[in-house]
Amino acid sequence: MEFTEKALVLKVGRFRENDVWVKLFCAGRGVITAFAFGGSRSRRRFSGCLDQLVLASFTVGMSRRGAYNVLQEGELLHAFPGLRGDARKLGLVAHCLRFVEAVQVGQDGARHVFDLLLETLQALEAGSVAAEVLPLLFKAKLTFEQGLKPDLALCVHCGRPAWDHDCAEDDDLDPAHRLAFSIERGGLVCSLCDDVPAETLCLESVRVLEWIGTSRPAEWPSLVLEPDTRRELSRLVDRFVAWHLGLRWENGTYRKI
């Protein structure tokens, strides 16, 4: 079965003299591995397409026995020159790509994650997203879009309102006001359920989590976080990802736990 689809090249490797294998994140199929036989010398079929971190439209077929994917041809769409020339940005991109691979996005959820990743790369290439917050925002947003968006309105234990949103919007509450968040249950816990294991978050962190849930990468440059808030959110998101996705960042990669 042959198909043509837009894909981002995640990894590239060689085997034998002229053949190439690629790991692709396809917009409608998720992550697949395919082989480009003669790819290292075929300028006509794969001009500029077989490099890491390029966006291309690939035509993919199957081997005769259906054992593996075979790249037939590719058309380069975008090579992200604004990222390739910046080592710092490439490091941030690598972090995002490893997270996408580790999550193992299936075909059903591929389109949403593909669009999120592409928008993130475009925002980073434009040079407007702060380096220290991009991995946090991307990891949180992708996790939320896996059906794991935390409940920040009702207590996850008893169902009562977890906090007074009206007062918060009117700035009647101090941004440093502490609220309780349950990692295991995935949301806020009201003050009447203080027997539920939870950790405290400042009101500002809760507001940022709400904002992440509704924002897109093009809006991320507008976010300015105090260092303490950023560290608090980073710890929370790391623990949330570890508990609900079983992934932990260790030694430059995501590992299953």
C-alpha atoms as a PDB file:
ATOM      1  CA  MET A   1       0.000   0.000   0.000  1.00  0.00           C
ATOM      2  CA  GLU A   2       1.499   3.302  -1.117  1.00  0.00           C
ATOM      3  CA  PHE A   3       0.806   6.680   0.459  1.00  0.00           C
ATOM      4  CA  THR A   4       2.054  10.260   0.172  1.00  0.00           C
ATOM      5  CA  GLU A   5       2.245  12.312   3.319  1.00  0.00           C
ATOM      6  CA  LYS A   6       3.912  15.319   4.905  1.00  0.00           C
ATOM      7  CA  ALA A   7       6.569  14.245   7.413  1.00  0.00           C
ATOM      8  CA  LEU A   8       9.353  15.595   9.593  1.00  0.00           C
ATOM      9  CA  VAL A   9      12.669  13.733   9.477  1.00  0.00           C
ATOM     10  CA  LEU A  10      13.665  12.796  13.031  1.00  0.00           C
ATOM     11  CA  LYS A  11      16.735  10.634  12.386  1.00  0.00           C
ATOM     12  CA  VAL A  12      18.872   9.536   9.433  1.00  0.00           C
ATOM     13  CA  GLY A  13      21.389   6.705   9.130  1.00  0.00           C
ATOM     14  CA  ARG A  14      23.239   4.787   6.440  1.00  0.00           C
ATOM     15  CA  PHE A  15      23.524   1.089   5.711  1.00  0.00           C
ATOM     16  CA  ARG A  16      25.544  -0.414   2.887  1.00  0.00           C
ATOM     17  CA  GLU A  17      27.164   2.069   0.523  1.00  0.00           C
ATOM     18  CA  ASN A  18      24.300   4.048  -0.978  1.00  0.00           C
ATOM     19  CA  ASP A  19      21.265   3.182   1.136  1.00  0.00           C
ATOM     20  CA  VAL A  20      19.685   5.285   3.868  1.00  0.00           C
ATOM     21  CA  TRP A  21      17.210   4.605   6.675  1.00  0.00           C
ATOM     22  CA  VAL A  22      15.094   7.401   8.106  1.00  0.00           C
ATOM     23  CA  LYS A  23      12.797   7.793  11.085  1.00  0.00           C
ATOM     24  CA  LEU A  24       9.865   9.991  10.088  1.00  0.00           C
ATOM     25  CA  PHE A  25       7.091  11.641  12.039  1.00  0.00           C
ATOM     26  CA  CYS A  26       4.202  11.510   9.577  1.00  0.00           C
ATOM     27  CA  ALA A  27       1.324  13.928   9.985  1.00  0.00           C
ATOM     28  CA  GLY A  28      -1.339  11.221   9.825  1.00  0.00           C
ATOM     29  CA  ARG A  29       0.517   8.079  10.888  1.00  0.00           C
ATOM     30  CA  GLY A  30       2.883   8.983  13.697  1.00  0.00           C
ATOM     31  CA  VAL A  31       6.492   7.800  13.826  1.00  0.00           C
ATOM     32  CA  ILE A  32       7.610   5.240  11.224  1.00  0.00           C
ATOM     33  CA  THR A  33      10.946   3.933   9.933  1.00  0.00           C
ATOM     34  CA  ALA A  34      11.536   3.668   6.187  1.00  0.00           C
ATOM     35  CA  PHE A  35      14.393   2.770   3.857  1.00  0.00           C
ATOM     36  CA  ALA A  36      15.590   4.836   0.902  1.00  0.00           C
ATOM     37  CA  PHE A  37      17.506   2.446  -1.335  1.00  0.00           C
ATOM     38  CA  GLY A  38      20.079   4.389  -3.314  1.00  0.00           C
ATOM     39  CA  GLY A  39      19.054   7.451  -1.348  1.00  0.00           C
ATOM     40  CA  SER A  40      22.564   8.775  -0.725  1.00  0.00           C
ATOM     41  CA  ARG A  41      23.201   9.253  -4.464  1.00  0.00           C
ATOM     42  CA  SER A  42      19.725   9.997  -5.820  1.00  0.00           C
ATOM     43  CA  ARG A  43      19.424  13.761  -6.178  1.00  0.00           C
ATOM     44  CA  ARG A  44      16.360  13.542  -8.376  1.00  0.00           C
ATOM     45  CA  ARG A  45      14.182  11.463  -6.027  1.00  0.00           C
ATOM     46  CA  PHE A  46      15.300  12.849  -2.664  1.00  0.00           C
ATOM     47  CA  SER A  47      16.866  16.262  -3.250  1.00  0.00           C
ATOM     48  CA  GLY A  48      17.510  17.766   0.189  1.00  0.00           C
ATOM     49  CA  CYS A  49      14.971  15.461   1.882  1.00  0.00           C
ATOM     50  CA  LEU A  50      17.213  12.961   3.644  1.00  0.00           C
ATOM     51  CA  ASP A  51      18.647  15.207   6.334  1.00  0.00           C
ATOM     52  CA  GLN A  52      17.606  15.380   9.958  1.00  0.00           C
ATOM     53  CA  LEU A  53      15.112  18.127  10.789  1.00  0.00           C
ATOM     54  CA  VAL A  54      13.624  18.764   7.361  1.00  0.00           C
ATOM     55  CA  LEU A  55       9.964  18.909   6.466  1.00  0.00           C
ATOM     56  CA  ALA A  56       9.120  17.060   3.270  1.00  0.00           C
ATOM     57  CA  SER A  57       6.335  15.340   1.393  1.00  0.00           C
ATOM     58  CA  PHE A  58       7.266  11.664   1.017  1.00  0.00           C
ATOM     59  CA  THR A  59       5.780   8.908  -1.102  1.00  0.00           C
ATOM     60  CA  VAL A  60       6.131   5.660   0.823  1.00  0.00           C
ATOM     61  CA  GLY A  61       5.516   2.105  -0.365  1.00  0.00           C
ATOM     62  CA  MET A  62       5.977  -1.347   1.123  1.00  0.00           C
ATOM     63  CA  SER A  63       8.583  -3.992   0.421  1.00  0.00           C
ATOM     64  CA  ARG A  64       7.446  -6.954  -1.678  1.00  0.00           C
ATOM     65  CA  ARG A  65       6.646  -9.057   1.354  1.00  0.00           C
ATOM     66  CA  GLY A  66       5.261  -6.138   3.337  1.00  0.00           C
ATOM     67  CA  ALA A  67       8.030  -6.322   5.934  1.00  0.00           C
ATOM     68  CA  TYR A  68       9.184  -2.686   5.874  1.00  0.00           C
ATOM     69  CA  ASN A  69       8.479   0.775   4.432  1.00  0.00           C
ATOM     70  CA  VAL A  70      10.326   1.934   1.323  1.00  0.00           C
ATOM     71  CA  LEU A  71      10.725   5.601   0.374  1.00  0.00           C
ATOM     72  CA  GLN A  72       9.900   6.119  -3.282  1.00  0.00           C
ATOM     73  CA  GLU A  73      10.522   9.865  -3.531  1.00  0.00           C
ATOM     74  CA  GLY A  74      10.429  13.072  -1.537  1.00  0.00           C
ATOM     75  CA  GLU A  75       9.797  16.772  -2.079  1.00  0.00           C
ATOM     76  CA  LEU A  76      11.506  19.229   0.269  1.00  0.00           C
ATOM     77  CA  LEU A  77       9.089  21.674   1.899  1.00  0.00           C
ATOM     78  CA  HIS A  78      11.219  23.420   4.526  1.00  0.00           C
ATOM     79  CA  ALA A  79      14.746  22.885   5.879  1.00  0.00           C
ATOM     80  CA  PHE A  80      14.521  25.186   8.938  1.00  0.00           C
ATOM     81  CA  PRO A  81      17.673  27.231   8.203  1.00  0.00           C
ATOM     82  CA  GLY A  82      16.984  29.428  11.220  1.00  0.00           C
ATOM     83  CA  LEU A  83      17.417  26.410  13.494  1.00  0.00           C
ATOM     84  CA  ARG A  84      20.311  24.652  11.782  1.00  0.00           C
ATOM     85  CA  GLY A  85      22.694  27.553  12.271  1.00  0.00           C
ATOM     86  CA  ASP A  86      22.060  27.898  16.012  1.00  0.00           C
ATOM     87  CA  ALA A  87      23.490  25.237  18.340  1.00  0.00           C
ATOM     88  CA  ARG A  88      21.355  26.391  21.275  1.00  0.00           C
ATOM     89  CA  LYS A  89      18.147  26.095  19.281  1.00  0.00           C
ATOM     90  CA  LEU A  90      19.173  22.696  17.938  1.00  0.00           C
ATOM     91  CA  GLY A  91      19.573  21.491  21.515  1.00  0.00           C
ATOM     92  CA  LEU A  92      16.022  22.589  22.320  1.00  0.00           C
ATOM     93  CA  VAL A  93      14.731  20.923  19.163  1.00  0.00           C
ATOM     94  CA  ALA A  94      16.487  17.682  20.089  1.00  0.00           C
ATOM     95  CA  HIS A  95      14.758  17.733  23.481  1.00  0.00           C
ATOM     96  CA  CYS A  96      11.342  18.146  21.851  1.00  0.00           C
ATOM     97  CA  LEU A  97      11.997  15.433  19.245  1.00  0.00           C
ATOM     98  CA  ARG A  98      13.105  12.934  21.872  1.00  0.00           C
ATOM     99  CA  PHE A  99       9.963  13.580  23.859  1.00  0.00           C
ATOM    100  CA  VAL A 100       7.791  12.985  20.775  1.00  0.00           C
ATOM    101  CA  GLU A 101       9.574   9.686  20.107  1.00  0.00           C
ATOM    102  CA  ALA A 102       9.292   8.604  23.731  1.00  0.00           C
ATOM    103  CA  VAL A 103       5.554   9.304  23.911  1.00  0.00           C
ATOM    104  CA  GLN A 104       5.040   6.889  20.983  1.00  0.00           C
ATOM    105  CA  VAL A 105       2.175   8.771  19.410  1.00  0.00           C
ATOM    106  CA  GLY A 106      -0.258   6.474  17.628  1.00  0.00           C
ATOM    107  CA  GLN A 107      -2.000   7.100  14.338  1.00  0.00           C
ATOM    108  CA  ASP A 108      -5.162   8.461  15.979  1.00  0.00           C
ATOM    109  CA  GLY A 109      -3.344  11.261  17.800  1.00  0.00           C
ATOM    110  CA  ALA A 110      -0.623  11.933  15.249  1.00  0.00           C
ATOM    111  CA  ARG A 111      -2.137  14.981  13.550  1.00  0.00           C
ATOM    112  CA  HIS A 112      -2.510  17.061  16.729  1.00  0.00           C
ATOM    113  CA  VAL A 113       1.023  16.290  17.898  1.00  0.00           C
ATOM    114  CA  PHE A 114       2.485  16.856  14.422  1.00  0.00           C
ATOM    115  CA  ASP A 115       0.845  20.280  14.194  1.00  0.00           C
ATOM    116  CA  LEU A 116       2.047  21.153  17.703  1.00  0.00           C
ATOM    117  CA  LEU A 117       5.621  20.128  16.909  1.00  0.00           C
ATOM    118  CA  LEU A 118       5.654  22.008  13.613  1.00  0.00           C
ATOM    119  CA  GLU A 119       4.249  25.162  15.231  1.00  0.00           C
ATOM    120  CA  THR A 120       6.853  24.878  17.990  1.00  0.00           C
ATOM    121  CA  LEU A 121       9.699  24.626  15.469  1.00  0.00           C
ATOM    122  CA  GLN A 122       8.349  27.617  13.564  1.00  0.00           C
ATOM    123  CA  ALA A 123       8.096  29.700  16.745  1.00  0.00           C
ATOM    124  CA  LEU A 124      11.617  28.724  17.766  1.00  0.00           C
ATOM    125  CA  GLU A 125      12.997  29.448  14.304  1.00  0.00           C
ATOM    126  CA  ALA A 126      11.453  32.918  14.501  1.00  0.00           C
ATOM    127  CA  GLY A 127      13.657  33.443  17.550  1.00  0.00           C
ATOM    128  CA  SER A 128      10.970  34.664  19.896  1.00  0.00           C
ATOM    129  CA  VAL A 129      10.577  31.861  22.470  1.00  0.00           C
ATOM    130  CA  ALA A 130      12.797  31.972  25.550  1.00  0.00           C
ATOM    131  CA  ALA A 131      15.100  28.966  25.702  1.00  0.00           C
ATOM    132  CA  GLU A 132      14.497  28.241  29.359  1.00  0.00           C
ATOM    133  CA  VAL A 133      10.723  27.809  28.968  1.00  0.00           C
ATOM    134  CA  LEU A 134      10.340  26.081  25.595  1.00  0.00           C
ATOM    135  CA  PRO A 135      10.912  22.458  26.755  1.00  0.00           C
ATOM    136  CA  LEU A 136       8.534  23.052  29.669  1.00  0.00           C
ATOM    137  CA  LEU A 137       5.777  24.470  27.472  1.00  0.00           C
ATOM    138  CA  PHE A 138       6.118  21.843  24.756  1.00  0.00           C
ATOM    139  CA  LYS A 139       6.228  18.927  27.172  1.00  0.00           C
ATOM    140  CA  ALA A 140       3.222  20.202  29.136  1.00  0.00           C
ATOM    141  CA  LYS A 141       1.162  20.993  26.030  1.00  0.00           C
ATOM    142  CA  LEU A 142       1.857  17.643  24.373  1.00  0.00           C
ATOM    143  CA  THR A 143       1.041  15.778  27.592  1.00  0.00           C
ATOM    144  CA  PHE A 144      -2.223  17.680  28.013  1.00  0.00           C
ATOM    145  CA  GLU A 145      -3.181  16.791  24.427  1.00  0.00           C
ATOM    146  CA  GLN A 146      -2.814  13.089  25.232  1.00  0.00           C
ATOM    147  CA  GLY A 147      -6.049  13.333  27.210  1.00  0.00           C
ATOM    148  CA  LEU A 148      -4.179  14.254  30.387  1.00  0.00           C
ATOM    149  CA  LYS A 149      -5.136  17.904  30.768  1.00  0.00           C
ATOM    150  CA  PRO A 150      -5.382  18.523  34.533  1.00  0.00           C
ATOM    151  CA  ASP A 151      -8.626  19.614  36.157  1.00  0.00           C
ATOM    152  CA  LEU A 152      -7.986  23.126  37.461  1.00  0.00           C
ATOM    153  CA  ALA A 153     -11.591  24.025  38.275  1.00  0.00           C
ATOM    154  CA  LEU A 154     -13.086  21.265  40.440  1.00  0.00           C
ATOM    155  CA  CYS A 155     -11.506  19.287  43.248  1.00  0.00           C
ATOM    156  CA  VAL A 156     -10.393  15.951  41.785  1.00  0.00           C
ATOM    157  CA  HIS A 157     -11.411  14.222  45.036  1.00  0.00           C
ATOM    158  CA  CYS A 158     -14.850  15.584  45.985  1.00  0.00           C
ATOM    159  CA  GLY A 159     -15.944  17.599  42.927  1.00  0.00           C
ATOM    160  CA  ARG A 160     -16.350  20.915  44.769  1.00  0.00           C
ATOM    161  CA  PRO A 161     -14.884  24.107  43.260  1.00  0.00           C
ATOM    162  CA  ALA A 162     -11.155  23.859  43.903  1.00  0.00           C
ATOM    163  CA  TRP A 163     -10.695  27.641  44.132  1.00  0.00           C
ATOM    164  CA  ASP A 164     -12.554  30.860  43.527  1.00  0.00           C
ATOM    165  CA  HIS A 165     -11.845  31.775  39.893  1.00  0.00           C
ATOM    166  CA  ASP A 166     -13.842  35.008  40.124  1.00  0.00           C
ATOM    167  CA  CYS A 167     -11.708  36.305  42.971  1.00  0.00           C
ATOM    168  CA  ALA A 168      -8.554  35.242  41.189  1.00  0.00           C
ATOM    169  CA  GLU A 169      -9.542  37.030  37.997  1.00  0.00           C
ATOM    170  CA  ASP A 170     -10.275  40.177  39.985  1.00  0.00           C
ATOM    171  CA  ASP A 171      -6.783  39.978  41.496  1.00  0.00           C
ATOM    172  CA  ASP A 172      -8.254  39.619  44.999  1.00  0.00           C
ATOM    173  CA  LEU A 173      -5.872  36.726  45.603  1.00  0.00           C
ATOM    174  CA  ASP A 174      -2.137  37.134  45.970  1.00  0.00           C
ATOM    175  CA  PRO A 175      -0.240  35.419  43.087  1.00  0.00           C
ATOM    176  CA  ALA A 176       1.781  33.691  45.802  1.00  0.00           C
ATOM    177  CA  HIS A 177      -1.395  32.148  47.280  1.00  0.00           C
ATOM    178  CA  ARG A 178      -0.860  28.381  47.552  1.00  0.00           C
ATOM    179  CA  LEU A 179      -3.203  25.752  46.123  1.00  0.00           C
ATOM    180  CA  ALA A 180      -2.929  21.962  46.386  1.00  0.00           C
ATOM    181  CA  PHE A 181      -2.275  19.804  43.300  1.00  0.00           C
ATOM    182  CA  SER A 182      -2.498  16.009  43.199  1.00  0.00           C
ATOM    183  CA  ILE A 183      -0.040  14.470  40.724  1.00  0.00           C
ATOM    184  CA  GLU A 184      -1.693  11.059  40.916  1.00  0.00           C
ATOM    185  CA  ARG A 185      -5.279  12.304  40.411  1.00  0.00           C
ATOM    186  CA  GLY A 186      -4.279  14.962  37.893  1.00  0.00           C
ATOM    187  CA  GLY A 187      -5.712  18.184  39.254  1.00  0.00           C
ATOM    188  CA  LEU A 188      -6.367  20.557  42.113  1.00  0.00           C
ATOM    189  CA  VAL A 189      -7.555  19.483  45.552  1.00  0.00           C
ATOM    190  CA  CYS A 190      -9.810  21.762  47.626  1.00  0.00           C
ATOM    191  CA  SER A 191      -9.017  22.788  51.198  1.00  0.00           C
ATOM    192  CA  LEU A 192     -11.664  20.399  52.590  1.00  0.00           C
ATOM    193  CA  CYS A 193      -9.812  17.384  51.167  1.00  0.00           C
ATOM    194  CA  ASP A 194      -6.526  17.983  52.921  1.00  0.00           C
ATOM    195  CA  ASP A 195      -6.139  14.245  53.561  1.00  0.00           C
ATOM    196  CA  VAL A 196      -5.464  13.647  49.832  1.00  0.00           C
ATOM    197  CA  PRO A 197      -1.725  13.475  48.998  1.00  0.00           C
ATOM    198  CA  ALA A 198      -0.887  16.672  47.125  1.00  0.00           C
ATOM    199  CA  GLU A 199       1.781  19.304  46.735  1.00  0.00           C
ATOM    200  CA  THR A 200       1.276  23.028  46.818  1.00  0.00           C
ATOM    201  CA  LEU A 201       1.401  25.358  43.841  1.00  0.00           C
ATOM    202  CA  CYS A 202       1.294  29.127  43.813  1.00  0.00           C
ATOM    203  CA  LEU A 203      -1.691  30.759  42.133  1.00  0.00           C
ATOM    204  CA  GLU A 204       0.568  32.061  39.372  1.00  0.00           C
ATOM    205  CA  SER A 205       1.647  28.507  38.474  1.00  0.00           C
ATOM    206  CA  VAL A 206      -1.980  27.376  38.295  1.00  0.00           C
ATOM    207  CA  ARG A 207      -2.809  30.280  35.986  1.00  0.00           C
ATOM    208  CA  VAL A 208       0.105  29.335  33.727  1.00  0.00           C
ATOM    209  CA  LEU A 209      -1.083  25.710  33.555  1.00  0.00           C
ATOM    210  CA  GLU A 210      -4.538  26.950  32.516  1.00  0.00           C
ATOM    211  CA  TRP A 211      -2.955  29.183  29.882  1.00  0.00           C
ATOM    212  CA  ILE A 212      -0.790  26.379  28.476  1.00  0.00           C
ATOM    213  CA  GLY A 213      -3.916  24.285  27.991  1.00  0.00           C
ATOM    214  CA  THR A 214      -5.505  26.876  25.687  1.00  0.00           C
ATOM    215  CA  SER A 215      -2.475  28.520  24.045  1.00  0.00           C
ATOM    216  CA  ARG A 216      -0.592  27.688  20.843  1.00  0.00           C
ATOM    217  CA  PRO A 217       3.189  27.962  20.284  1.00  0.00           C
ATOM    218  CA  ALA A 218       2.792  31.251  18.411  1.00  0.00           C
ATOM    219  CA  GLU A 219       1.561  32.758  21.700  1.00  0.00           C
ATOM    220  CA  TRP A 220       4.361  31.371  23.873  1.00  0.00           C
ATOM    221  CA  PRO A 221       6.723  34.348  23.376  1.00  0.00           C
ATOM    222  CA  SER A 222       4.286  36.477  25.400  1.00  0.00           C
ATOM    223  CA  LEU A 223       4.854  34.374  28.531  1.00  0.00           C
ATOM    224  CA  VAL A 224       7.202  35.828  31.138  1.00  0.00           C
ATOM    225  CA  LEU A 225       7.864  33.671  34.207  1.00  0.00           C
ATOM    226  CA  GLU A 226       9.605  34.482  37.436  1.00  0.00           C
ATOM    227  CA  PRO A 227      12.480  32.035  38.091  1.00  0.00           C
ATOM    228  CA  ASP A 228      10.734  30.532  41.133  1.00  0.00           C
ATOM    229  CA  THR A 229       7.530  29.963  39.163  1.00  0.00           C
ATOM    230  CA  ARG A 230       9.433  28.391  36.284  1.00  0.00           C
ATOM    231  CA  ARG A 231      11.243  25.993  38.608  1.00  0.00           C
ATOM    232  CA  GLU A 232       8.007  25.083  40.391  1.00  0.00           C
ATOM    233  CA  LEU A 233       6.245  24.365  37.106  1.00  0.00           C
ATOM    234  CA  SER A 234       9.193  22.385  35.753  1.00  0.00           C
ATOM    235  CA  ARG A 235       9.199  20.123  38.808  1.00  0.00           C
ATOM    236  CA  LEU A 236       5.443  19.636  38.595  1.00  0.00           C
ATOM    237  CA  VAL A 237       5.400  18.865  34.861  1.00  0.00           C
ATOM    238  CA  ASP A 238       8.335  16.448  35.208  1.00  0.00           C
ATOM    239  CA  ARG A 239       6.535  14.566  37.982  1.00  0.00           C
ATOM    240  CA  PHE A 240       3.228  14.654  36.083  1.00  0.00           C
ATOM    241  CA  VAL A 241       4.879  13.188  32.965  1.00  0.00           C
ATOM    242  CA  ALA A 242       6.686  10.536  35.007  1.00  0.00           C
ATOM    243  CA  TRP A 243       3.477   9.427  36.745  1.00  0.00           C
ATOM    244  CA  HIS A 244       1.046   9.501  33.808  1.00  0.00           C
ATOM    245  CA  LEU A 245       3.305   8.725  30.821  1.00  0.00           C
ATOM    246  CA  GLY A 246       5.993   6.732  32.611  1.00  0.00           C
ATOM    247  CA  LEU A 247       8.804   8.891  31.183  1.00  0.00           C
ATOM    248  CA  ARG A 248      11.747  10.520  32.913  1.00  0.00           C
ATOM    249  CA  TRP A 249      14.534  12.699  31.473  1.00  0.00           C
ATOM    250  CA  GLU A 250      17.886  11.079  32.306  1.00  0.00           C
ATOM    251  CA  ASN A 251      21.319  11.569  30.745  1.00  0.00           C
ATOM    252  CA  GLY A 252      20.063  13.404  27.673  1.00  0.00           C
ATOM    253  CA  THR A 253      17.134  11.148  26.801  1.00  0.00           C
ATOM    254  CA  TYR A 254      13.709  10.045  27.987  1.00  0.00           C
ATOM    255  CA  ARG A 255      13.580   6.673  29.708  1.00  0.00           C
ATOM    256  CA  LYS A 256      10.633   4.467  30.589  1.00  0.00           C
ATOM    257  CA  ILE A 257      10.146   4.036  34.326  1.00  0.00           C
END
